Amino acid sequence: SKLGFSHGIRLQVTPSVRVFCSKPNL
């Protein structure tokens, strides 16, 4: 994620959760 900070945010997703980004803001 790029949320206006000086660095990007990287999150490790737990194995039981799936994450998708169909659009850059969704």
mmCIF file of all heavy atoms, coordinates in Angstrom:
data_MODEL
# 
_entry.id   MODEL 
# 
loop_
_atom_site.group_PDB 
_atom_site.id 
_atom_site.type_symbol 
_atom_site.label_atom_id 
_atom_site.label_alt_id 
_atom_site.label_comp_id 
_atom_site.label_asym_id 
_atom_site.label_entity_id 
_atom_site.label_seq_id 
_atom_site.pdbx_PDB_ins_code 
_atom_site.Cartn_x 
_atom_site.Cartn_y 
_atom_site.Cartn_z 
_atom_site.occupancy 
_atom_site.B_iso_or_equiv 
_atom_site.pdbx_formal_charge 
_atom_site.auth_seq_id 
_atom_site.auth_comp_id 
_atom_site.auth_asym_id 
_atom_site.auth_atom_id 
_atom_site.pdbx_PDB_model_num 
ATOM 1   N N   . SER A 1 1  ? 0.834   -1.193  0.000   1.00 0.00 ? 1  SER A N   1 
ATOM 2   C CA  . SER A 1 1  ? 0.000   0.000   0.000   1.00 0.00 ? 1  SER A CA  1 
ATOM 3   C C   . SER A 1 1  ? 0.870   1.246   0.000   1.00 0.00 ? 1  SER A C   1 
ATOM 4   O O   . SER A 1 1  ? 1.889   1.301   0.680   1.00 0.00 ? 1  SER A O   1 
ATOM 5   C CB  . SER A 1 1  ? -0.907  0.040   1.234   1.00 0.00 ? 1  SER A CB  1 
ATOM 6   O OG  . SER A 1 1  ? -1.724  -1.076  1.287   1.00 0.00 ? 1  SER A OG  1 
ATOM 7   N N   . LYS A 1 2  ? 0.446   2.249   -0.773  1.00 0.00 ? 2  LYS A N   1 
ATOM 8   C CA  . LYS A 1 2  ? 1.055   3.577   -0.730  1.00 0.00 ? 2  LYS A CA  1 
ATOM 9   C C   . LYS A 1 2  ? -0.027  4.514   -0.228  1.00 0.00 ? 2  LYS A C   1 
ATOM 10  O O   . LYS A 1 2  ? -1.031  4.729   -0.895  1.00 0.00 ? 2  LYS A O   1 
ATOM 11  C CB  . LYS A 1 2  ? 1.528   3.995   -2.116  1.00 0.00 ? 2  LYS A CB  1 
ATOM 12  C CG  . LYS A 1 2  ? 2.687   3.178   -2.604  1.00 0.00 ? 2  LYS A CG  1 
ATOM 13  C CD  . LYS A 1 2  ? 3.291   3.771   -3.828  1.00 0.00 ? 2  LYS A CD  1 
ATOM 14  C CE  . LYS A 1 2  ? 4.504   2.956   -4.224  1.00 0.00 ? 2  LYS A CE  1 
ATOM 15  N NZ  . LYS A 1 2  ? 5.257   3.583   -5.288  1.00 0.00 ? 2  LYS A NZ  1 
ATOM 16  N N   . LEU A 1 3  ? 0.194   5.035   0.985   1.00 0.00 ? 3  LEU A N   1 
ATOM 17  C CA  . LEU A 1 3  ? -0.855  5.798   1.654   1.00 0.00 ? 3  LEU A CA  1 
ATOM 18  C C   . LEU A 1 3  ? -0.407  7.196   2.043   1.00 0.00 ? 3  LEU A C   1 
ATOM 19  O O   . LEU A 1 3  ? -0.877  7.762   3.018   1.00 0.00 ? 3  LEU A O   1 
ATOM 20  C CB  . LEU A 1 3  ? -1.324  5.044   2.904   1.00 0.00 ? 3  LEU A CB  1 
ATOM 21  C CG  . LEU A 1 3  ? -1.893  3.657   2.645   1.00 0.00 ? 3  LEU A CG  1 
ATOM 22  C CD1 . LEU A 1 3  ? -2.156  2.947   3.952   1.00 0.00 ? 3  LEU A CD1 1 
ATOM 23  C CD2 . LEU A 1 3  ? -3.164  3.760   1.833   1.00 0.00 ? 3  LEU A CD2 1 
ATOM 24  N N   . GLY A 1 4  ? 0.514   7.775   1.289   1.00 0.00 ? 4  GLY A N   1 
ATOM 25  C CA  . GLY A 1 4  ? 0.936   9.140   1.562   1.00 0.00 ? 4  GLY A CA  1 
ATOM 26  C C   . GLY A 1 4  ? 2.092   9.264   2.531   1.00 0.00 ? 4  GLY A C   1 
ATOM 27  O O   . GLY A 1 4  ? 2.508   10.372  2.845   1.00 0.00 ? 4  GLY A O   1 
ATOM 28  N N   . PHE A 1 5  ? 2.623   8.156   3.018   1.00 0.00 ? 5  PHE A N   1 
ATOM 29  C CA  . PHE A 1 5  ? 3.790   8.203   3.878   1.00 0.00 ? 5  PHE A CA  1 
ATOM 30  C C   . PHE A 1 5  ? 5.041   8.229   3.010   1.00 0.00 ? 5  PHE A C   1 
ATOM 31  O O   . PHE A 1 5  ? 4.988   8.042   1.797   1.00 0.00 ? 5  PHE A O   1 
ATOM 32  C CB  . PHE A 1 5  ? 3.823   6.989   4.817   1.00 0.00 ? 5  PHE A CB  1 
ATOM 33  C CG  . PHE A 1 5  ? 2.638   6.886   5.730   1.00 0.00 ? 5  PHE A CG  1 
ATOM 34  C CD1 . PHE A 1 5  ? 1.796   5.796   5.663   1.00 0.00 ? 5  PHE A CD1 1 
ATOM 35  C CD2 . PHE A 1 5  ? 2.352   7.890   6.638   1.00 0.00 ? 5  PHE A CD2 1 
ATOM 36  C CE1 . PHE A 1 5  ? 0.704   5.693   6.494   1.00 0.00 ? 5  PHE A CE1 1 
ATOM 37  C CE2 . PHE A 1 5  ? 1.264   7.804   7.480   1.00 0.00 ? 5  PHE A CE2 1 
ATOM 38  C CZ  . PHE A 1 5  ? 0.436   6.706   7.406   1.00 0.00 ? 5  PHE A CZ  1 
ATOM 39  N N   . SER A 1 6  ? 6.206   8.433   3.623   1.00 0.00 ? 6  SER A N   1 
ATOM 40  C CA  . SER A 1 6  ? 7.450   8.475   2.863   1.00 0.00 ? 6  SER A CA  1 
ATOM 41  C C   . SER A 1 6  ? 7.873   7.094   2.376   1.00 0.00 ? 6  SER A C   1 
ATOM 42  O O   . SER A 1 6  ? 8.752   6.972   1.535   1.00 0.00 ? 6  SER A O   1 
ATOM 43  C CB  . SER A 1 6  ? 8.566   9.075   3.722   1.00 0.00 ? 6  SER A CB  1 
ATOM 44  O OG  . SER A 1 6  ? 8.785   8.271   4.861   1.00 0.00 ? 6  SER A OG  1 
ATOM 45  N N   . HIS A 1 7  ? 7.252   6.046   2.897   1.00 0.00 ? 7  HIS A N   1 
ATOM 46  C CA  . HIS A 1 7  ? 7.586   4.677   2.512   1.00 0.00 ? 7  HIS A CA  1 
ATOM 47  C C   . HIS A 1 7  ? 6.301   3.898   2.256   1.00 0.00 ? 7  HIS A C   1 
ATOM 48  O O   . HIS A 1 7  ? 5.232   4.268   2.736   1.00 0.00 ? 7  HIS A O   1 
ATOM 49  C CB  . HIS A 1 7  ? 8.379   3.997   3.636   1.00 0.00 ? 7  HIS A CB  1 
ATOM 50  C CG  . HIS A 1 7  ? 7.632   3.952   4.932   1.00 0.00 ? 7  HIS A CG  1 
ATOM 51  N ND1 . HIS A 1 7  ? 7.478   5.061   5.742   1.00 0.00 ? 7  HIS A ND1 1 
ATOM 52  C CD2 . HIS A 1 7  ? 6.957   2.956   5.544   1.00 0.00 ? 7  HIS A CD2 1 
ATOM 53  C CE1 . HIS A 1 7  ? 6.755   4.739   6.797   1.00 0.00 ? 7  HIS A CE1 1 
ATOM 54  N NE2 . HIS A 1 7  ? 6.418   3.463   6.703   1.00 0.00 ? 7  HIS A NE2 1 
ATOM 55  N N   . GLY A 1 8  ? 6.393   2.845   1.477   1.00 0.00 ? 8  GLY A N   1 
ATOM 56  C CA  . GLY A 1 8  ? 5.244   1.984   1.231   1.00 0.00 ? 8  GLY A CA  1 
ATOM 57  C C   . GLY A 1 8  ? 5.004   1.052   2.411   1.00 0.00 ? 8  GLY A C   1 
ATOM 58  O O   . GLY A 1 8  ? 5.914   0.747   3.175   1.00 0.00 ? 8  GLY A O   1 
ATOM 59  N N   . ILE A 1 9  ? 3.781   0.588   2.556   1.00 0.00 ? 9  ILE A N   1 
ATOM 60  C CA  . ILE A 1 9  ? 3.425   -0.307  3.644   1.00 0.00 ? 9  ILE A CA  1 
ATOM 61  C C   . ILE A 1 9  ? 3.242   -1.710  3.071   1.00 0.00 ? 9  ILE A C   1 
ATOM 62  O O   . ILE A 1 9  ? 2.508   -1.889  2.103   1.00 0.00 ? 9  ILE A O   1 
ATOM 63  C CB  . ILE A 1 9  ? 2.139   0.165   4.344   1.00 0.00 ? 9  ILE A CB  1 
ATOM 64  C CG1 . ILE A 1 9  ? 2.378   1.526   4.975   1.00 0.00 ? 9  ILE A CG1 1 
ATOM 65  C CG2 . ILE A 1 9  ? 1.686   -0.842  5.381   1.00 0.00 ? 9  ILE A CG2 1 
ATOM 66  C CD1 . ILE A 1 9  ? 1.155   2.160   5.537   1.00 0.00 ? 9  ILE A CD1 1 
ATOM 67  N N   . ARG A 1 10 ? 3.920   -2.689  3.669   1.00 0.00 ? 10 ARG A N   1 
ATOM 68  C CA  . ARG A 1 10 ? 3.854   -4.074  3.213   1.00 0.00 ? 10 ARG A CA  1 
ATOM 69  C C   . ARG A 1 10 ? 3.276   -4.913  4.340   1.00 0.00 ? 10 ARG A C   1 
ATOM 70  O O   . ARG A 1 10 ? 3.820   -4.933  5.439   1.00 0.00 ? 10 ARG A O   1 
ATOM 71  C CB  . ARG A 1 10 ? 5.248   -4.552  2.851   1.00 0.00 ? 10 ARG A CB  1 
ATOM 72  C CG  . ARG A 1 10 ? 5.310   -5.950  2.367   1.00 0.00 ? 10 ARG A CG  1 
ATOM 73  C CD  . ARG A 1 10 ? 6.727   -6.293  1.989   1.00 0.00 ? 10 ARG A CD  1 
ATOM 74  N NE  . ARG A 1 10 ? 6.782   -7.707  1.684   1.00 0.00 ? 10 ARG A NE  1 
ATOM 75  C CZ  . ARG A 1 10 ? 7.773   -8.495  2.000   1.00 0.00 ? 10 ARG A CZ  1 
ATOM 76  N NH1 . ARG A 1 10 ? 8.818   -8.017  2.618   1.00 0.00 ? 10 ARG A NH1 1 
ATOM 77  N NH2 . ARG A 1 10 ? 7.733   -9.769  1.697   1.00 0.00 ? 10 ARG A NH2 1 
ATOM 78  N N   . LEU A 1 11 ? 2.167   -5.587  4.076   1.00 0.00 ? 11 LEU A N   1 
ATOM 79  C CA  . LEU A 1 11 ? 1.511   -6.411  5.080   1.00 0.00 ? 11 LEU A CA  1 
ATOM 80  C C   . LEU A 1 11 ? 1.505   -7.869  4.640   1.00 0.00 ? 11 LEU A C   1 
ATOM 81  O O   . LEU A 1 11 ? 1.126   -8.175  3.511   1.00 0.00 ? 11 LEU A O   1 
ATOM 82  C CB  . LEU A 1 11 ? 0.068   -5.953  5.300   1.00 0.00 ? 11 LEU A CB  1 
ATOM 83  C CG  . LEU A 1 11 ? -0.128  -4.565  5.899   1.00 0.00 ? 11 LEU A CG  1 
ATOM 84  C CD1 . LEU A 1 11 ? -1.588  -4.195  5.869   1.00 0.00 ? 11 LEU A CD1 1 
ATOM 85  C CD2 . LEU A 1 11 ? 0.385   -4.540  7.303   1.00 0.00 ? 11 LEU A CD2 1 
ATOM 86  N N   . GLN A 1 12 ? 1.923   -8.751  5.539   1.00 0.00 ? 12 GLN A N   1 
ATOM 87  C CA  . GLN A 1 12 ? 1.874   -10.191 5.278   1.00 0.00 ? 12 GLN A CA  1 
ATOM 88  C C   . GLN A 1 12 ? 0.471   -10.684 5.622   1.00 0.00 ? 12 GLN A C   1 
ATOM 89  O O   . GLN A 1 12 ? -0.008  -10.475 6.729   1.00 0.00 ? 12 GLN A O   1 
ATOM 90  C CB  . GLN A 1 12 ? 2.925   -10.908 6.126   1.00 0.00 ? 12 GLN A CB  1 
ATOM 91  C CG  . GLN A 1 12 ? 3.020   -12.383 5.862   1.00 0.00 ? 12 GLN A CG  1 
ATOM 92  C CD  . GLN A 1 12 ? 3.673   -12.676 4.529   1.00 0.00 ? 12 GLN A CD  1 
ATOM 93  O OE1 . GLN A 1 12 ? 4.523   -11.936 4.072   1.00 0.00 ? 12 GLN A OE1 1 
ATOM 94  N NE2 . GLN A 1 12 ? 3.266   -13.753 3.908   1.00 0.00 ? 12 GLN A NE2 1 
ATOM 95  N N   . VAL A 1 13 ? -0.178  -11.329 4.679   1.00 0.00 ? 13 VAL A N   1 
ATOM 96  C CA  . VAL A 1 13 ? -1.545  -11.804 4.874   1.00 0.00 ? 13 VAL A CA  1 
ATOM 97  C C   . VAL A 1 13 ? -1.500  -13.182 5.521   1.00 0.00 ? 13 VAL A C   1 
ATOM 98  O O   . VAL A 1 13 ? -0.669  -14.018 5.167   1.00 0.00 ? 13 VAL A O   1 
ATOM 99  C CB  . VAL A 1 13 ? -2.278  -11.866 3.511   1.00 0.00 ? 13 VAL A CB  1 
ATOM 100 C CG1 . VAL A 1 13 ? -3.705  -12.312 3.694   1.00 0.00 ? 13 VAL A CG1 1 
ATOM 101 C CG2 . VAL A 1 13 ? -2.223  -10.520 2.825   1.00 0.00 ? 13 VAL A CG2 1 
ATOM 102 N N   . THR A 1 14 ? -2.406  -13.422 6.481   1.00 0.00 ? 14 THR A N   1 
ATOM 103 C CA  . THR A 1 14 ? -2.468  -14.741 7.119   1.00 0.00 ? 14 THR A CA  1 
ATOM 104 C C   . THR A 1 14 ? -2.889  -15.794 6.086   1.00 0.00 ? 14 THR A C   1 
ATOM 105 O O   . THR A 1 14 ? -3.587  -15.476 5.119   1.00 0.00 ? 14 THR A O   1 
ATOM 106 C CB  . THR A 1 14 ? -3.462  -14.726 8.288   1.00 0.00 ? 14 THR A CB  1 
ATOM 107 O OG1 . THR A 1 14 ? -4.734  -14.323 7.814   1.00 0.00 ? 14 THR A OG1 1 
ATOM 108 C CG2 . THR A 1 14 ? -3.006  -13.774 9.373   1.00 0.00 ? 14 THR A CG2 1 
ATOM 109 N N   . PRO A 1 15 ? -2.501  -17.061 6.264   1.00 0.00 ? 15 PRO A N   1 
ATOM 110 C CA  . PRO A 1 15 ? -2.786  -18.087 5.255   1.00 0.00 ? 15 PRO A CA  1 
ATOM 111 C C   . PRO A 1 15 ? -4.277  -18.340 5.006   1.00 0.00 ? 15 PRO A C   1 
ATOM 112 O O   . PRO A 1 15 ? -4.653  -18.766 3.923   1.00 0.00 ? 15 PRO A O   1 
ATOM 113 C CB  . PRO A 1 15 ? -2.125  -19.341 5.819   1.00 0.00 ? 15 PRO A CB  1 
ATOM 114 C CG  . PRO A 1 15 ? -1.117  -18.863 6.780   1.00 0.00 ? 15 PRO A CG  1 
ATOM 115 C CD  . PRO A 1 15 ? -1.619  -17.563 7.316   1.00 0.00 ? 15 PRO A CD  1 
ATOM 116 N N   . SER A 1 16 ? -5.132  -18.085 5.968   1.00 0.00 ? 16 SER A N   1 
ATOM 117 C CA  . SER A 1 16 ? -6.558  -18.360 5.781   1.00 0.00 ? 16 SER A CA  1 
ATOM 118 C C   . SER A 1 16 ? -7.304  -17.201 5.111   1.00 0.00 ? 16 SER A C   1 
ATOM 119 O O   . SER A 1 16 ? -8.498  -17.303 4.868   1.00 0.00 ? 16 SER A O   1 
ATOM 120 C CB  . SER A 1 16 ? -7.203  -18.669 7.131   1.00 0.00 ? 16 SER A CB  1 
ATOM 121 O OG  . SER A 1 16 ? -7.074  -17.562 7.991   1.00 0.00 ? 16 SER A OG  1 
ATOM 122 N N   . VAL A 1 17 ? -6.608  -16.109 4.788   1.00 0.00 ? 17 VAL A N   1 
ATOM 123 C CA  . VAL A 1 17 ? -7.236  -14.928 4.174   1.00 0.00 ? 17 VAL A CA  1 
ATOM 124 C C   . VAL A 1 17 ? -6.624  -14.702 2.802   1.00 0.00 ? 17 VAL A C   1 
ATOM 125 O O   . VAL A 1 17 ? -5.417  -14.824 2.625   1.00 0.00 ? 17 VAL A O   1 
ATOM 126 C CB  . VAL A 1 17 ? -7.032  -13.677 5.062   1.00 0.00 ? 17 VAL A CB  1 
ATOM 127 C CG1 . VAL A 1 17 ? -7.631  -12.448 4.413   1.00 0.00 ? 17 VAL A CG1 1 
ATOM 128 C CG2 . VAL A 1 17 ? -7.628  -13.894 6.436   1.00 0.00 ? 17 VAL A CG2 1 
ATOM 129 N N   . ARG A 1 18 ? -7.457  -14.390 1.817   1.00 0.00 ? 18 ARG A N   1 
ATOM 130 C CA  . ARG A 1 18 ? -6.986  -14.042 0.469   1.00 0.00 ? 18 ARG A CA  1 
ATOM 131 C C   . ARG A 1 18 ? -7.295  -12.575 0.230   1.00 0.00 ? 18 ARG A C   1 
ATOM 132 O O   . ARG A 1 18 ? -8.369  -12.099 0.594   1.00 0.00 ? 18 ARG A O   1 
ATOM 133 C CB  . ARG A 1 18 ? -7.707  -14.878 -0.582  1.00 0.00 ? 18 ARG A CB  1 
ATOM 134 C CG  . ARG A 1 18 ? -7.513  -16.365 -0.459  1.00 0.00 ? 18 ARG A CG  1 
ATOM 135 C CD  . ARG A 1 18 ? -6.205  -16.796 -1.004  1.00 0.00 ? 18 ARG A CD  1 
ATOM 136 N NE  . ARG A 1 18 ? -6.107  -16.380 -2.394  1.00 0.00 ? 18 ARG A NE  1 
ATOM 137 C CZ  . ARG A 1 18 ? -5.437  -16.988 -3.317  1.00 0.00 ? 18 ARG A CZ  1 
ATOM 138 N NH1 . ARG A 1 18 ? -4.791  -18.069 -3.019  1.00 0.00 ? 18 ARG A NH1 1 
ATOM 139 N NH2 . ARG A 1 18 ? -5.381  -16.540 -4.542  1.00 0.00 ? 18 ARG A NH2 1 
ATOM 140 N N   . VAL A 1 19 ? -6.375  -11.872 -0.397  1.00 0.00 ? 19 VAL A N   1 
ATOM 141 C CA  . VAL A 1 19 ? -6.550  -10.447 -0.660  1.00 0.00 ? 19 VAL A CA  1 
ATOM 142 C C   . VAL A 1 19 ? -6.396  -10.212 -2.157  1.00 0.00 ? 19 VAL A C   1 
ATOM 143 O O   . VAL A 1 19 ? -5.454  -10.710 -2.776  1.00 0.00 ? 19 VAL A O   1 
ATOM 144 C CB  . VAL A 1 19 ? -5.509  -9.609  0.120   1.00 0.00 ? 19 VAL A CB  1 
ATOM 145 C CG1 . VAL A 1 19 ? -5.651  -8.150  -0.202  1.00 0.00 ? 19 VAL A CG1 1 
ATOM 146 C CG2 . VAL A 1 19 ? -5.656  -9.835  1.597   1.00 0.00 ? 19 VAL A CG2 1 
ATOM 147 N N   . PHE A 1 20 ? -7.332  -9.466  -2.729  1.00 0.00 ? 20 PHE A N   1 
ATOM 148 C CA  . PHE A 1 20 ? -7.297  -9.119  -4.153  1.00 0.00 ? 20 PHE A CA  1 
ATOM 149 C C   . PHE A 1 20 ? -7.484  -7.624  -4.295  1.00 0.00 ? 20 PHE A C   1 
ATOM 150 O O   . PHE A 1 20 ? -8.219  -7.010  -3.530  1.00 0.00 ? 20 PHE A O   1 
ATOM 151 C CB  . PHE A 1 20 ? -8.419  -9.830  -4.918  1.00 0.00 ? 20 PHE A CB  1 
ATOM 152 C CG  . PHE A 1 20 ? -8.387  -11.326 -4.783  1.00 0.00 ? 20 PHE A CG  1 
ATOM 153 C CD1 . PHE A 1 20 ? -9.268  -11.973 -3.939  1.00 0.00 ? 20 PHE A CD1 1 
ATOM 154 C CD2 . PHE A 1 20 ? -7.474  -12.071 -5.492  1.00 0.00 ? 20 PHE A CD2 1 
ATOM 155 C CE1 . PHE A 1 20 ? -9.253  -13.344 -3.806  1.00 0.00 ? 20 PHE A CE1 1 
ATOM 156 C CE2 . PHE A 1 20 ? -7.443  -13.452 -5.363  1.00 0.00 ? 20 PHE A CE2 1 
ATOM 157 C CZ  . PHE A 1 20 ? -8.338  -14.087 -4.525  1.00 0.00 ? 20 PHE A CZ  1 
ATOM 158 N N   . CYS A 1 21 ? -6.828  -7.055  -5.285  1.00 0.00 ? 21 CYS A N   1 
ATOM 159 C CA  . CYS A 1 21 ? -7.017  -5.640  -5.624  1.00 0.00 ? 21 CYS A CA  1 
ATOM 160 C C   . CYS A 1 21 ? -7.469  -5.584  -7.076  1.00 0.00 ? 21 CYS A C   1 
ATOM 161 O O   . CYS A 1 21 ? -6.661  -5.679  -7.994  1.00 0.00 ? 21 CYS A O   1 
ATOM 162 C CB  . CYS A 1 21 ? -5.733  -4.853  -5.443  1.00 0.00 ? 21 CYS A CB  1 
ATOM 163 S SG  . CYS A 1 21 ? -5.229  -4.691  -3.750  1.00 0.00 ? 21 CYS A SG  1 
ATOM 164 N N   . SER A 1 22 ? -8.777  -5.432  -7.284  1.00 0.00 ? 22 SER A N   1 
ATOM 165 C CA  . SER A 1 22 ? -9.286  -5.364  -8.648  1.00 0.00 ? 22 SER A CA  1 
ATOM 166 C C   . SER A 1 22 ? -9.009  -3.998  -9.267  1.00 0.00 ? 22 SER A C   1 
ATOM 167 O O   . SER A 1 22 ? -8.833  -3.878  -10.469 1.00 0.00 ? 22 SER A O   1 
ATOM 168 C CB  . SER A 1 22 ? -10.782 -5.668  -8.676  1.00 0.00 ? 22 SER A CB  1 
ATOM 169 O OG  . SER A 1 22 ? -11.475 -4.807  -7.798  1.00 0.00 ? 22 SER A OG  1 
ATOM 170 N N   . LYS A 1 23 ? -8.972  -2.967  -8.450  1.00 0.00 ? 23 LYS A N   1 
ATOM 171 C CA  . LYS A 1 23 ? -8.607  -1.615  -8.873  1.00 0.00 ? 23 LYS A CA  1 
ATOM 172 C C   . LYS A 1 23 ? -7.545  -1.115  -7.903  1.00 0.00 ? 23 LYS A C   1 
ATOM 173 O O   . LYS A 1 23 ? -7.425  -1.648  -6.798  1.00 0.00 ? 23 LYS A O   1 
ATOM 174 C CB  . LYS A 1 23 ? -9.822  -0.687  -8.797  1.00 0.00 ? 23 LYS A CB  1 
ATOM 175 C CG  . LYS A 1 23 ? -10.941 -1.039  -9.733  1.00 0.00 ? 23 LYS A CG  1 
ATOM 176 C CD  . LYS A 1 23 ? -12.066 -0.032  -9.549  1.00 0.00 ? 23 LYS A CD  1 
ATOM 177 C CE  . LYS A 1 23 ? -13.254 -0.392  -10.402 1.00 0.00 ? 23 LYS A CE  1 
ATOM 178 N NZ  . LYS A 1 23 ? -14.375 0.531   -10.165 1.00 0.00 ? 23 LYS A NZ  1 
ATOM 179 N N   . PRO A 1 24 ? -6.792  -0.081  -8.263  1.00 0.00 ? 24 PRO A N   1 
ATOM 180 C CA  . PRO A 1 24 ? -5.775  0.420   -7.324  1.00 0.00 ? 24 PRO A CA  1 
ATOM 181 C C   . PRO A 1 24 ? -6.354  1.003   -6.035  1.00 0.00 ? 24 PRO A C   1 
ATOM 182 O O   . PRO A 1 24 ? -5.657  1.119   -5.044  1.00 0.00 ? 24 PRO A O   1 
ATOM 183 C CB  . PRO A 1 24 ? -5.057  1.505   -8.115  1.00 0.00 ? 24 PRO A CB  1 
ATOM 184 C CG  . PRO A 1 24 ? -5.336  1.217   -9.530  1.00 0.00 ? 24 PRO A CG  1 
ATOM 185 C CD  . PRO A 1 24 ? -6.658  0.528   -9.578  1.00 0.00 ? 24 PRO A CD  1 
ATOM 186 N N   . ASN A 1 25 ? -7.637  1.366   -6.028  1.00 0.00 ? 25 ASN A N   1 
ATOM 187 C CA  . ASN A 1 25 ? -8.231  1.946   -4.824  1.00 0.00 ? 25 ASN A CA  1 
ATOM 188 C C   . ASN A 1 25 ? -9.279  1.034   -4.185  1.00 0.00 ? 25 ASN A C   1 
ATOM 189 O O   . ASN A 1 25 ? -10.083 1.490   -3.391  1.00 0.00 ? 25 ASN A O   1 
ATOM 190 C CB  . ASN A 1 25 ? -8.850  3.302   -5.138  1.00 0.00 ? 25 ASN A CB  1 
ATOM 191 C CG  . ASN A 1 25 ? -10.000 3.206   -6.110  1.00 0.00 ? 25 ASN A CG  1 
ATOM 192 O OD1 . ASN A 1 25 ? -10.173 2.193   -6.778  1.00 0.00 ? 25 ASN A OD1 1 
ATOM 193 N ND2 . ASN A 1 25 ? -10.783 4.241   -6.190  1.00 0.00 ? 25 ASN A ND2 1 
ATOM 194 N N   . LEU A 1 26 ? -9.267  -0.261  -4.520  1.00 0.00 ? 26 LEU A N   1 
ATOM 195 C CA  . LEU A 1 26 ? -10.253 -1.195  -3.986  1.00 0.00 ? 26 LEU A CA  1 
ATOM 196 C C   . LEU A 1 26 ? -9.541  -2.453  -3.497  1.00 0.00 ? 26 LEU A C   1 
ATOM 197 O O   . LEU A 1 26 ? -8.825  -3.099  -4.251  1.00 0.00 ? 26 LEU A O   1 
ATOM 198 C CB  . LEU A 1 26 ? -11.269 -1.547  -5.073  1.00 0.00 ? 26 LEU A CB  1 
ATOM 199 C CG  . LEU A 1 26 ? -12.494 -2.322  -4.649  1.00 0.00 ? 26 LEU A CG  1 
ATOM 200 C CD1 . LEU A 1 26 ? -13.354 -1.471  -3.731  1.00 0.00 ? 26 LEU A CD1 1 
ATOM 201 C CD2 . LEU A 1 26 ? -13.298 -2.720  -5.864  1.00 0.00 ? 26 LEU A CD2 1 
# 
